[in-house]
Amino acid sequence: MAFKITVLFLVLCYVGWIYCDKPCAARLIKGESVVCVCNATYCDDITREKPQNDTFIMYTSTKGGARFEKVTGRLQNYKHVCAQDCIKTEFILEPNVRFQEIVGFGGAVTDAAAINWMNLTDLQLRQSLIDSYFSASGLEYNMARVPIGGTDFSTHPYAYNELPVNDANLTNFSLNEEDNNYKIPMLNAIKRAVTAPLYVVATTWSPPRWMKTNGEWYGFTKLKHEYYETYALYHIRFLEQYFSHGIPVWAITTTNEPVNGDLFLSHFNCLGWTAGDMGFWIANHLGPMLRNSTYRDVKILSVDDQRLNVPYFFNLMVMKHKDALQYIDGIAVHYYTDFIVPPSVLDVVSKSYPDKFIINTEACEGSQPWERKKVILGSWERAVRYIKDIITDLNHNLVGWIDWNLCLNKDGGPNWAKNNVDSPILVFPEANEFVKQPTFYALGHVSKFIQRGSRRIQCTERKPLLAWPVDAVAVVTPGEETVVVVMYSRDKKDKAIKIKLGDKQAELILRGNSITTIELPYKIKSSK
């Protein structure tokens, strides 16, 4: 009997209109959507199929519980007949109208993430978590963010070279056990799994307290002027250590959320900057020191704060210290105030400084003070907020999107400052399992299919007057073999749409309350 079932399963896997992956081991959460459970013997995965000449492939996740549900359809010759088409939403793709090139997607290897990963004692389960994010059978992340020293997502506050105090030459700089026992092992596991070179973004939350005006980890705190050169050297020392361990640091940022220490907005590791002071430090210390070092190719990302702070921490900074601009490669932004600040703020930077890219370097759910539940198992609403923000950011020229902690425990920690939040993967070591939240799949609908080197293209929606709009972004993939469209449909009911690409069209159904990725061949060969 078991043999017959296996044969039937294999036959179904190779039917022309549907492909086979390991499906989600769904666990329904009352009042929410489902989570997908991974244990020592089973974990769902997803493979990307290349569409044939006359087909398109679509992958769908829904509030109802579908996760990367994969089917294929046949392309048709494009016809515009108003009697039929005026009641359908239509998307016009124009691959010759191109915008930014995509760098990648990823998540953060914090102390908390690495500790939770290590708490999975089964080595296969531990590998499954890495593969779920970074491998060809997972989301194919190709970026990671790593803290330079500690964050709130550590078991205690710390920095490098805390002793001796006032050590301007950093003679005692060395990595901590958190690096050697947790973060570096996790990053090395990631390096073995990735399908593209791993780009690591490194960020300091706080230097040693002796460099700071208040001598504390948080509060109203700035860098003492006598340590401007030392703080630049602090970053060089970190690069020396991580490169010596084989960790490829692609970029550093100019301090995490600098407004926190300037306005006392947090009770965890921070360092405050004014726009003028930061510009001076970049122009006269960090920029020259990095560009004259062995690590001159490491990029410098400024701001690393909320979208609403971009005009202050970039435009005003450059106005005060124009020399800083020659050292800055890009602008890093965070997710948390995007719901109140229009993305047009980003357009101003793109138009004024077209040679500077913008990338999202931090995002999570459950962080807002009014969110009483920091972790919500199975929350589809949180996945929706993610996918809408990612699509919006990409449509406003961002080149990538890095999530916060790769994994956390059931309480959203550990976090020494009790600043717990949600994560796309939650780890339950006592049950020898981890679960993938709906946000995991929202991220995957983008990261799996929009590869590094993809170029965003023009995507125009034409819809009936009273129809809900569909959030959408489209790219042409590297090598120009395919076009990828990512969509979010807020309609509760299924929606018939069509996608026009050249003289071909794909007619399909967007499931109610769904996230869908569609991949089409870009250069369609004529059949004889």
Protein backbone atom coordinates (compact mmCIF):
# COMPACT_ATOMS: atom_id res chain seq x y z
CA MET A 1 0.00 0.00 0.00
CA ALA A 2 2.81 2.40 0.94
CA PHE A 3 4.52 1.64 -2.39
CA LYS A 4 1.36 2.50 -4.35
CA ILE A 5 0.96 5.80 -2.49
CA THR A 6 4.60 6.68 -3.21
CA VAL A 7 4.20 5.92 -6.90
CA LEU A 8 1.02 8.02 -7.08
CA PHE A 9 2.81 10.90 -5.31
CA LEU A 10 5.70 10.76 -7.79
CA VAL A 11 3.31 10.70 -10.73
CA LEU A 12 1.52 13.79 -9.42
CA CYS A 13 4.84 15.57 -9.01
CA TYR A 14 5.56 15.30 -12.71
CA VAL A 15 2.18 16.21 -14.15
CA GLY A 16 2.77 19.07 -16.57
CA TRP A 17 0.75 21.70 -14.77
CA ILE A 18 2.00 21.28 -11.20
CA TYR A 19 5.44 20.74 -9.65
CA CYS A 20 6.26 19.03 -6.38
CA ASP A 21 7.98 20.46 -3.31
CA LYS A 22 7.88 19.43 0.32
CA PRO A 23 4.63 21.09 1.45
CA CYS A 24 4.11 23.04 4.64
CA ALA A 25 3.48 20.92 7.74
CA ALA A 26 0.71 23.29 8.73
CA ARG A 27 -0.33 24.05 12.27
CA LEU A 28 -3.46 26.19 12.38
CA ILE A 29 -3.36 28.97 14.98
CA LYS A 30 -6.80 29.86 16.29
CA GLY A 31 -7.91 33.25 15.04
CA GLU A 32 -4.86 33.58 12.78
CA SER A 33 -3.39 31.79 9.77
CA VAL A 34 -1.06 28.77 9.86
CA VAL A 35 2.58 28.30 10.79
CA CYS A 36 4.72 25.66 9.08
CA VAL A 37 6.47 23.28 11.46
CA CYS A 38 10.01 21.95 10.92
CA ASN A 39 11.50 19.15 13.02
CA ALA A 40 14.47 16.79 12.85
CA THR A 41 12.92 14.68 10.09
CA TYR A 42 10.84 17.11 8.03
CA CYS A 43 10.88 20.70 6.81
CA ASP A 44 9.01 22.23 3.88
CA ASP A 45 10.95 23.66 0.97
CA ILE A 46 10.43 25.36 -2.37
CA THR A 47 12.17 24.96 -5.71
CA ARG A 48 12.02 27.52 -8.46
CA GLU A 49 10.98 26.18 -11.83
CA LYS A 50 12.05 27.91 -15.03
CA PRO A 51 9.00 28.61 -17.20
CA GLN A 52 9.09 27.04 -20.63
CA ASN A 53 8.73 29.07 -23.80
CA ASP A 54 4.94 29.27 -23.82
CA THR A 55 4.16 29.00 -20.10
CA PHE A 56 4.17 31.03 -16.93
CA ILE A 57 4.51 29.75 -13.36
CA MET A 58 2.79 31.24 -10.34
CA TYR A 59 3.44 30.72 -6.63
CA THR A 60 0.75 31.68 -4.12
CA SER A 61 0.50 32.05 -0.34
CA THR A 62 -2.82 32.91 1.30
CA LYS A 63 -4.34 33.77 4.63
CA GLY A 64 -6.26 30.53 4.27
CA GLY A 65 -3.05 28.52 4.58
CA ALA A 66 -1.52 28.03 1.11
CA ARG A 67 2.26 28.41 1.14
CA PHE A 68 4.12 28.78 -2.16
CA GLU A 69 1.35 26.85 -3.92
CA LYS A 70 2.84 26.34 -7.38
CA VAL A 71 1.00 25.94 -10.68
CA THR A 72 1.71 26.76 -14.30
CA GLY A 73 -0.42 28.21 -17.07
CA ARG A 74 -0.12 28.73 -20.79
CA LEU A 75 0.60 32.09 -22.37
CA GLN A 76 -1.78 33.38 -25.02
CA ASN A 77 -1.59 35.93 -27.78
CA TYR A 78 -2.54 39.33 -26.41
CA LYS A 79 -6.04 40.51 -27.26
CA HIS A 80 -7.70 43.67 -26.05
CA VAL A 81 -11.44 43.23 -26.34
CA CYS A 82 -13.19 45.76 -24.12
CA ALA A 83 -16.34 43.72 -23.73
CA GLN A 84 -14.28 41.15 -21.82
CA ASP A 85 -11.20 43.02 -20.62
CA CYS A 86 -12.77 46.14 -19.15
CA ILE A 87 -13.99 44.12 -16.18
CA LYS A 88 -10.53 42.70 -15.47
CA THR A 89 -7.52 44.24 -13.85
CA GLU A 90 -4.65 44.31 -16.32
CA PHE A 91 -0.93 44.81 -15.77
CA ILE A 92 1.21 46.12 -18.62
CA LEU A 93 4.89 45.16 -18.31
CA GLU A 94 7.48 47.22 -20.17
CA PRO A 95 10.89 45.52 -19.81
CA ASN A 96 12.64 48.22 -21.82
CA VAL A 97 11.77 50.84 -19.18
CA ARG A 98 14.25 50.02 -16.43
CA PHE A 99 15.14 51.37 -13.02
CA GLN A 100 17.46 50.28 -10.16
CA GLU A 101 19.51 47.08 -10.05
CA ILE A 102 18.73 44.78 -7.11
CA VAL A 103 21.50 43.91 -4.63
CA GLY A 104 19.65 41.40 -2.47
CA PHE A 105 17.59 40.36 0.54
CA GLY A 106 18.43 38.92 3.93
CA GLY A 107 18.16 38.97 7.72
CA ALA A 108 20.25 39.75 10.78
CA VAL A 109 22.65 37.44 12.61
CA THR A 110 22.23 39.00 16.04
CA ASP A 111 23.41 37.38 19.27
CA ALA A 112 19.79 36.39 19.92
CA ALA A 113 19.35 34.79 16.50
CA ALA A 114 22.60 32.84 16.76
CA ILE A 115 21.89 31.72 20.34
CA ASN A 116 18.44 30.45 19.35
CA TRP A 117 19.95 28.66 16.36
CA MET A 118 22.56 27.01 18.57
CA ASN A 119 19.84 25.97 21.03
CA LEU A 120 18.59 23.55 18.38
CA THR A 121 20.67 20.58 19.49
CA ASP A 122 19.76 18.41 16.50
CA LEU A 123 22.33 19.27 13.81
CA GLN A 124 19.99 18.42 10.94
CA LEU A 125 17.32 20.73 12.33
CA ARG A 126 19.91 23.45 12.76
CA GLN A 127 20.94 22.99 9.12
CA SER A 128 17.30 23.06 8.03
CA LEU A 129 16.92 26.54 9.52
CA ILE A 130 19.92 27.82 7.56
CA ASP A 131 18.74 26.08 4.39
CA SER A 132 15.22 27.47 4.81
CA TYR A 133 16.59 30.97 4.45
CA PHE A 134 19.70 30.71 2.28
CA SER A 135 19.81 27.55 0.17
CA ALA A 136 18.46 26.71 -3.28
CA SER A 137 15.57 24.88 -1.59
CA GLY A 138 14.83 27.90 0.63
CA LEU A 139 14.34 31.64 0.23
CA GLU A 140 17.80 32.16 -1.32
CA TYR A 141 18.72 35.10 0.91
CA ASN A 142 22.09 36.53 -0.10
CA MET A 143 22.59 39.24 2.54
CA ALA A 144 23.05 39.32 6.32
CA ARG A 145 23.37 42.13 8.84
CA VAL A 146 25.66 41.64 11.83
CA PRO A 147 26.13 43.94 14.85
CA ILE A 148 29.56 45.34 15.66
CA GLY A 149 29.46 44.40 19.35
CA GLY A 150 26.21 44.09 21.27
CA THR A 151 22.62 45.22 20.73
CA ASP A 152 19.45 44.96 22.77
CA PHE A 153 19.18 41.48 21.21
CA SER A 154 22.09 40.30 23.35
CA THR A 155 22.00 38.77 26.83
CA HIS A 156 23.89 41.79 28.20
CA PRO A 157 25.20 45.11 26.86
CA TYR A 158 28.81 45.04 25.65
CA ALA A 159 31.30 46.50 23.17
CA TYR A 160 34.84 45.65 22.15
CA ASN A 161 37.87 47.07 23.97
CA GLU A 162 35.89 48.10 27.04
CA LEU A 163 39.14 47.89 28.98
CA PRO A 164 41.46 49.61 29.40
CA VAL A 165 39.40 52.80 29.45
CA ASN A 166 40.52 55.79 27.40
CA ASP A 167 42.52 53.45 25.15
CA ALA A 168 42.57 55.67 22.07
CA ASN A 169 44.70 53.20 20.08
CA LEU A 170 42.42 50.23 20.89
CA THR A 171 45.33 48.07 22.00
CA ASN A 172 43.00 45.48 23.55
CA PHE A 173 40.54 45.10 20.68
CA SER A 174 39.34 41.51 20.35
CA LEU A 175 36.11 39.73 19.55
CA ASN A 176 33.78 38.50 22.30
CA GLU A 177 32.48 34.99 22.93
CA GLU A 178 29.25 36.04 21.23
CA ASP A 179 31.22 36.43 17.99
CA ASN A 180 33.40 33.35 18.34
CA ASN A 181 30.75 30.96 19.68
CA TYR A 182 27.59 32.21 18.01
CA LYS A 183 27.62 34.84 15.24
CA ILE A 184 30.67 33.66 13.30
CA PRO A 185 29.64 29.97 13.34
CA MET A 186 26.18 30.96 12.07
CA LEU A 187 27.66 33.17 9.36
CA ASN A 188 29.99 30.37 8.26
CA ALA A 189 27.01 28.00 8.04
CA ILE A 190 25.24 30.62 5.92
CA LYS A 191 28.27 30.97 3.64
CA ARG A 192 28.14 27.23 2.91
CA ALA A 193 24.44 27.39 2.00
CA VAL A 194 24.08 30.54 -0.13
CA THR A 195 23.49 30.37 -3.87
CA ALA A 196 25.16 33.77 -4.48
CA PRO A 197 28.06 35.54 -2.74
CA LEU A 198 27.03 36.60 0.78
CA TYR A 199 26.97 40.37 1.36
CA VAL A 200 27.34 41.25 5.05
CA VAL A 201 26.31 44.66 6.41
CA ALA A 202 27.91 45.48 9.79
CA THR A 203 26.58 48.08 12.24
CA THR A 204 27.63 49.53 15.60
CA TRP A 205 24.94 50.23 18.18
CA SER A 206 27.31 51.57 20.83
CA PRO A 207 31.09 51.82 21.24
CA PRO A 208 32.69 51.33 24.68
CA ARG A 209 31.14 53.62 27.29
CA TRP A 210 34.42 55.47 27.83
CA MET A 211 34.10 56.96 24.33
CA LYS A 212 30.71 58.50 25.17
CA THR A 213 29.69 61.74 26.83
CA ASN A 214 27.42 60.17 29.45
CA GLY A 215 29.49 57.03 30.06
CA GLU A 216 26.39 54.81 29.69
CA TRP A 217 25.04 52.36 27.15
CA TYR A 218 21.97 54.50 26.43
CA GLY A 219 20.44 57.85 27.27
CA PHE A 220 21.42 61.27 25.91
CA THR A 221 24.82 60.21 24.68
CA LYS A 222 27.25 61.33 22.01
CA LEU A 223 30.78 60.56 20.99
CA LYS A 224 33.48 62.55 22.78
CA HIS A 225 35.33 64.68 20.23
CA GLU A 226 38.70 63.32 21.32
CA TYR A 227 37.56 59.85 20.20
CA TYR A 228 36.36 60.66 16.67
CA GLU A 229 39.48 59.07 15.19
CA THR A 230 39.27 56.16 17.66
CA TYR A 231 35.66 55.40 16.68
CA ALA A 232 36.70 55.23 13.03
CA LEU A 233 39.55 52.90 14.03
CA TYR A 234 37.01 50.80 15.96
CA HIS A 235 35.38 49.91 12.63
CA ILE A 236 38.71 49.09 10.98
CA ARG A 237 39.62 46.77 13.86
CA PHE A 238 36.29 44.99 13.48
CA LEU A 239 36.85 44.52 9.75
CA GLU A 240 40.31 43.09 10.44
CA GLN A 241 38.83 40.53 12.82
CA TYR A 242 35.89 39.47 10.67
CA PHE A 243 37.85 39.27 7.43
CA SER A 244 40.44 37.13 9.25
CA HIS A 245 37.59 34.71 10.07
CA GLY A 246 36.54 34.59 6.42
CA ILE A 247 33.42 36.76 6.85
CA PRO A 248 32.95 39.01 3.77
CA VAL A 249 31.82 42.41 5.06
CA TRP A 250 30.25 44.22 2.12
CA ALA A 251 29.29 47.43 3.93
CA ILE A 252 29.35 49.21 7.26
CA THR A 253 26.81 51.75 8.45
CA THR A 254 27.51 54.98 10.31
CA THR A 255 25.89 53.90 13.64
CA ASN A 256 22.49 52.32 14.18
CA GLU A 257 19.59 54.79 14.56
CA PRO A 258 21.65 57.84 15.58
CA VAL A 259 18.56 59.80 16.55
CA ASN A 260 18.01 57.45 19.53
CA GLY A 261 20.98 58.76 21.49
CA ASP A 262 20.38 62.33 20.40
CA LEU A 263 16.76 62.43 21.64
CA PHE A 264 16.83 59.57 24.21
CA LEU A 265 14.33 57.46 22.26
CA SER A 266 15.54 54.06 23.46
CA HIS A 267 16.61 52.24 26.59
CA PHE A 268 19.16 50.07 24.86
CA ASN A 269 22.59 50.39 23.22
CA CYS A 270 22.84 53.61 21.22
CA LEU A 271 25.05 56.52 20.21
CA GLY A 272 23.59 59.92 19.36
CA TRP A 273 24.67 62.09 16.46
CA THR A 274 23.61 65.41 15.01
CA ALA A 275 23.65 65.62 11.23
CA GLY A 276 26.53 68.09 11.36
CA ASP A 277 28.68 65.99 13.69
CA MET A 278 28.09 62.85 11.66
CA GLY A 279 29.03 64.59 8.43
CA PHE A 280 32.22 65.90 10.02
CA TRP A 281 33.13 62.42 11.34
CA ILE A 282 32.57 60.75 7.95
CA ALA A 283 34.42 63.45 5.99
CA ASN A 284 37.41 63.74 8.29
CA HIS A 285 37.76 60.39 10.03
CA LEU A 286 35.78 57.34 8.92
CA GLY A 287 35.88 58.02 5.18
CA PRO A 288 39.61 58.77 4.81
CA MET A 289 40.66 56.01 7.22
CA LEU A 290 38.57 53.33 5.47
CA ARG A 291 39.52 54.38 1.93
CA ASN A 292 43.22 54.36 2.83
CA SER A 293 43.01 50.91 4.43
CA THR A 294 43.07 47.33 3.18
CA TYR A 295 39.27 47.48 3.31
CA ARG A 296 38.84 50.40 0.93
CA ASP A 297 36.21 48.52 -1.09
CA VAL A 298 33.86 48.15 1.90
CA LYS A 299 30.89 50.43 1.32
CA ILE A 300 29.75 53.15 3.72
CA LEU A 301 26.00 53.45 4.33
CA SER A 302 24.79 56.61 6.03
CA VAL A 303 21.63 57.35 8.06
CA ASP A 304 20.70 53.75 9.11
CA ASP A 305 17.57 55.18 10.70
CA GLN A 306 13.88 55.66 9.97
CA ARG A 307 12.61 56.89 6.63
CA LEU A 308 11.44 60.12 8.27
CA ASN A 309 15.04 60.91 9.32
CA VAL A 310 16.48 60.72 5.80
CA PRO A 311 16.11 64.45 5.02
CA TYR A 312 17.88 65.34 8.28
CA PHE A 313 20.62 62.74 8.41
CA PHE A 314 21.45 62.87 4.74
CA ASN A 315 20.39 66.11 3.07
CA LEU A 316 21.33 68.36 6.02
CA MET A 317 24.49 66.37 6.70
CA VAL A 318 25.66 66.78 3.11
CA MET A 319 24.71 70.46 3.15
CA LYS A 320 26.94 71.01 6.18
CA HIS A 321 29.78 68.72 5.09
CA LYS A 322 29.74 68.18 1.32
CA ASP A 323 33.10 66.38 1.52
CA ALA A 324 31.34 63.47 3.28
CA LEU A 325 29.51 62.70 0.04
CA GLN A 326 32.64 61.37 -1.68
CA TYR A 327 32.87 58.57 0.90
CA ILE A 328 29.21 57.59 1.12
CA ASP A 329 28.03 54.79 -1.17
CA GLY A 330 24.42 54.53 -0.06
CA ILE A 331 21.68 55.30 2.43
CA ALA A 332 20.33 52.72 4.88
CA VAL A 333 16.73 53.05 6.08
CA HIS A 334 14.58 51.26 8.65
CA TYR A 335 10.99 50.07 8.46
CA TYR A 336 9.31 51.23 11.63
CA THR A 337 7.80 54.60 10.65
CA ASP A 338 7.07 53.75 7.01
CA PHE A 339 3.34 53.66 7.76
CA ILE A 340 3.34 57.41 8.54
CA VAL A 341 5.99 58.73 6.15
CA PRO A 342 5.38 58.74 2.37
CA PRO A 343 7.96 56.98 0.21
CA SER A 344 8.35 60.18 -1.81
CA VAL A 345 10.98 61.11 0.81
CA LEU A 346 13.18 58.47 -0.84
CA ASP A 347 12.53 59.81 -4.34
CA VAL A 348 14.08 63.16 -3.41
CA VAL A 349 17.35 61.44 -2.51
CA SER A 350 17.32 59.27 -5.65
CA LYS A 351 16.79 62.28 -7.90
CA SER A 352 19.29 64.52 -6.12
CA TYR A 353 22.00 61.87 -5.75
CA PRO A 354 21.41 59.22 -8.44
CA ASP A 355 24.81 57.62 -7.76
CA LYS A 356 23.81 56.77 -4.15
CA PHE A 357 21.68 53.67 -3.60
CA ILE A 358 19.10 53.14 -0.84
CA ILE A 359 18.63 49.87 1.05
CA ASN A 360 16.40 48.80 3.94
CA THR A 361 18.60 47.39 6.74
CA GLU A 362 16.13 46.60 9.53
CA ALA A 363 12.49 45.57 9.97
CA CYS A 364 10.37 43.61 12.39
CA GLU A 365 6.84 43.37 13.74
CA GLY A 366 5.82 43.70 17.38
CA SER A 367 8.17 46.61 18.06
CA GLN A 368 5.63 49.41 18.46
CA PRO A 369 4.81 50.48 22.03
CA TRP A 370 1.08 49.97 21.46
CA GLU A 371 1.56 46.35 20.33
CA ARG A 372 0.87 44.43 23.55
CA LYS A 373 1.60 41.09 21.90
CA LYS A 374 5.18 41.10 20.74
CA VAL A 375 4.89 37.65 19.17
CA ILE A 376 1.73 36.58 17.36
CA LEU A 377 1.87 33.04 16.04
CA GLY A 378 0.39 32.75 12.55
CA SER A 379 -0.27 36.47 12.02
CA TRP A 380 -1.20 37.05 8.37
CA GLU A 381 -1.66 40.79 8.99
CA ARG A 382 2.01 41.12 9.86
CA ALA A 383 2.95 39.33 6.64
CA VAL A 384 0.75 41.76 4.72
CA ARG A 385 2.50 44.76 6.26
CA TYR A 386 5.84 43.26 5.22
CA ILE A 387 4.94 42.54 1.61
CA LYS A 388 3.25 45.91 1.07
CA ASP A 389 6.28 47.71 2.45
CA ILE A 390 8.75 45.69 0.37
CA ILE A 391 6.80 46.27 -2.84
CA THR A 392 6.54 49.99 -2.08
CA ASP A 393 10.24 50.26 -1.28
CA LEU A 394 11.27 48.49 -4.47
CA ASN A 395 8.97 50.74 -6.49
CA HIS A 396 10.80 53.71 -4.96
CA ASN A 397 14.26 52.57 -6.01
CA LEU A 398 15.48 50.57 -3.01
CA VAL A 399 18.06 47.98 -4.04
CA GLY A 400 17.40 45.52 -1.24
CA TRP A 401 15.61 44.73 2.01
CA ILE A 402 17.18 43.19 5.13
CA ASP A 403 14.94 41.87 7.90
CA TRP A 404 15.89 41.93 11.61
CA ASN A 405 16.50 38.74 13.68
CA LEU A 406 16.64 35.56 11.59
CA CYS A 407 15.08 33.66 14.47
CA LEU A 408 13.90 34.26 18.04
CA ASN A 409 12.37 32.22 20.85
CA LYS A 410 8.67 31.99 21.66
CA ASP A 411 8.85 35.23 23.68
CA GLY A 412 10.63 37.16 20.94
CA GLY A 413 14.03 37.19 22.65
CA PRO A 414 16.46 36.97 24.31
CA ASN A 415 16.71 40.72 24.72
CA TRP A 416 18.49 42.26 27.73
CA ALA A 417 16.42 45.46 27.47
CA LYS A 418 13.13 43.52 27.30
CA ASN A 419 12.55 44.98 23.84
CA ASN A 420 11.14 41.73 22.49
CA VAL A 421 9.65 41.50 18.97
CA ASP A 422 8.40 38.98 16.41
CA SER A 423 10.47 37.06 13.86
CA PRO A 424 9.78 35.10 10.64
CA ILE A 425 11.14 31.97 12.36
CA LEU A 426 10.48 31.08 16.00
CA VAL A 427 12.54 28.38 17.71
CA PHE A 428 11.13 25.86 20.21
CA PRO A 429 14.14 23.85 21.39
CA GLU A 430 12.13 22.05 24.08
CA ALA A 431 10.00 20.52 21.31
CA ASN A 432 12.98 20.11 18.95
CA GLU A 433 11.29 22.20 16.28
CA PHE A 434 11.02 25.63 14.74
CA VAL A 435 8.07 27.24 12.99
CA LYS A 436 7.90 29.50 9.96
CA GLN A 437 5.58 32.45 10.34
CA PRO A 438 3.54 33.96 7.46
CA THR A 439 6.14 36.77 7.32
CA PHE A 440 8.73 34.16 6.31
CA TYR A 441 6.73 33.39 3.16
CA ALA A 442 6.03 37.07 2.45
CA LEU A 443 9.78 37.66 2.38
CA GLY A 444 10.33 34.58 0.23
CA HIS A 445 7.92 35.70 -2.45
CA VAL A 446 10.45 38.43 -3.16
CA SER A 447 13.89 37.06 -2.18
CA LYS A 448 13.46 33.69 -3.89
CA PHE A 449 12.63 35.15 -7.28
CA ILE A 450 14.15 38.63 -7.48
CA GLN A 451 17.79 37.65 -7.75
CA ARG A 452 20.81 39.91 -7.38
CA GLY A 453 21.34 41.73 -10.66
CA SER A 454 17.63 41.90 -11.49
CA ARG A 455 16.39 45.25 -12.80
CA ARG A 456 13.06 46.73 -11.86
CA ILE A 457 10.88 47.46 -14.88
CA GLN A 458 7.79 49.53 -15.59
CA CYS A 459 4.61 47.84 -14.35
CA THR A 460 1.35 49.71 -15.00
CA GLU A 461 -2.00 48.66 -13.55
CA ARG A 462 -5.26 49.26 -15.40
CA LYS A 463 -8.29 48.37 -13.31
CA PRO A 464 -12.06 48.79 -13.27
CA LEU A 465 -13.15 51.96 -11.49
CA LEU A 466 -14.36 50.36 -8.25
CA ALA A 467 -11.87 47.52 -8.04
CA TRP A 468 -9.32 47.33 -5.24
CA PRO A 469 -5.81 48.11 -6.49
CA VAL A 470 -3.22 45.34 -6.42
CA ASP A 471 0.22 46.09 -4.98
CA ALA A 472 2.75 44.95 -7.58
CA VAL A 473 6.40 45.21 -8.58
CA ALA A 474 8.11 43.68 -11.60
CA VAL A 475 11.71 42.94 -12.59
CA VAL A 476 13.64 41.38 -15.43
CA THR A 477 16.02 38.77 -14.03
CA PRO A 478 19.79 38.54 -14.72
CA GLY A 479 20.50 37.21 -18.19
CA GLU A 480 17.10 38.56 -19.29
CA GLU A 481 15.63 35.08 -19.39
CA THR A 482 12.51 35.80 -17.34
CA VAL A 483 10.31 38.53 -15.92
CA VAL A 484 9.09 38.25 -12.32
CA VAL A 485 6.01 40.01 -10.92
CA VAL A 486 5.22 40.03 -7.18
CA MET A 487 1.67 40.94 -6.17
CA TYR A 488 -0.43 41.36 -3.07
CA SER A 489 -4.22 41.22 -3.45
CA ARG A 490 -6.26 42.55 -0.53
CA ASP A 491 -9.57 41.36 -2.03
CA LYS A 492 -11.28 38.74 0.11
CA LYS A 493 -12.54 37.07 -3.05
CA ASP A 494 -10.58 35.63 -5.96
CA LYS A 495 -9.76 38.14 -8.68
CA ALA A 496 -9.30 37.46 -12.41
CA ILE A 497 -6.41 39.46 -13.88
CA LYS A 498 -4.15 39.40 -16.88
CA ILE A 499 -0.54 40.36 -17.38
CA LYS A 500 0.61 41.71 -20.74
CA LEU A 501 4.21 41.15 -21.81
CA GLY A 502 4.93 42.11 -25.40
CA ASP A 503 2.42 40.40 -27.66
CA LYS A 504 1.65 37.69 -25.09
CA GLN A 505 -0.57 37.64 -22.04
CA ALA A 506 -1.01 35.52 -18.93
CA GLU A 507 -4.55 35.14 -17.65
CA LEU A 508 -4.77 34.01 -14.05
CA ILE A 509 -6.70 34.11 -10.81
CA LEU A 510 -5.31 35.93 -7.81
CA ARG A 511 -6.55 34.11 -4.74
CA GLY A 512 -8.41 36.08 -2.10
CA ASN A 513 -6.13 37.77 0.45
CA SER A 514 -2.98 36.44 -1.19
CA ILE A 515 0.64 37.08 -2.05
CA THR A 516 1.56 35.81 -5.50
CA THR A 517 4.75 35.64 -7.54
CA ILE A 518 4.47 35.08 -11.30
CA GLU A 519 7.43 34.27 -13.53
CA LEU A 520 7.21 34.54 -17.31
CA PRO A 521 9.74 33.96 -20.08
CA TYR A 522 11.09 37.32 -21.25
CA LYS A 523 12.16 36.43 -24.79
CA ILE A 524 9.49 34.15 -26.13
CA LYS A 525 10.51 32.13 -29.16
CA SER A 526 8.01 31.87 -31.97
CA SER A 527 6.74 28.33 -32.49
CA LYS A 528 6.89 26.78 -35.94
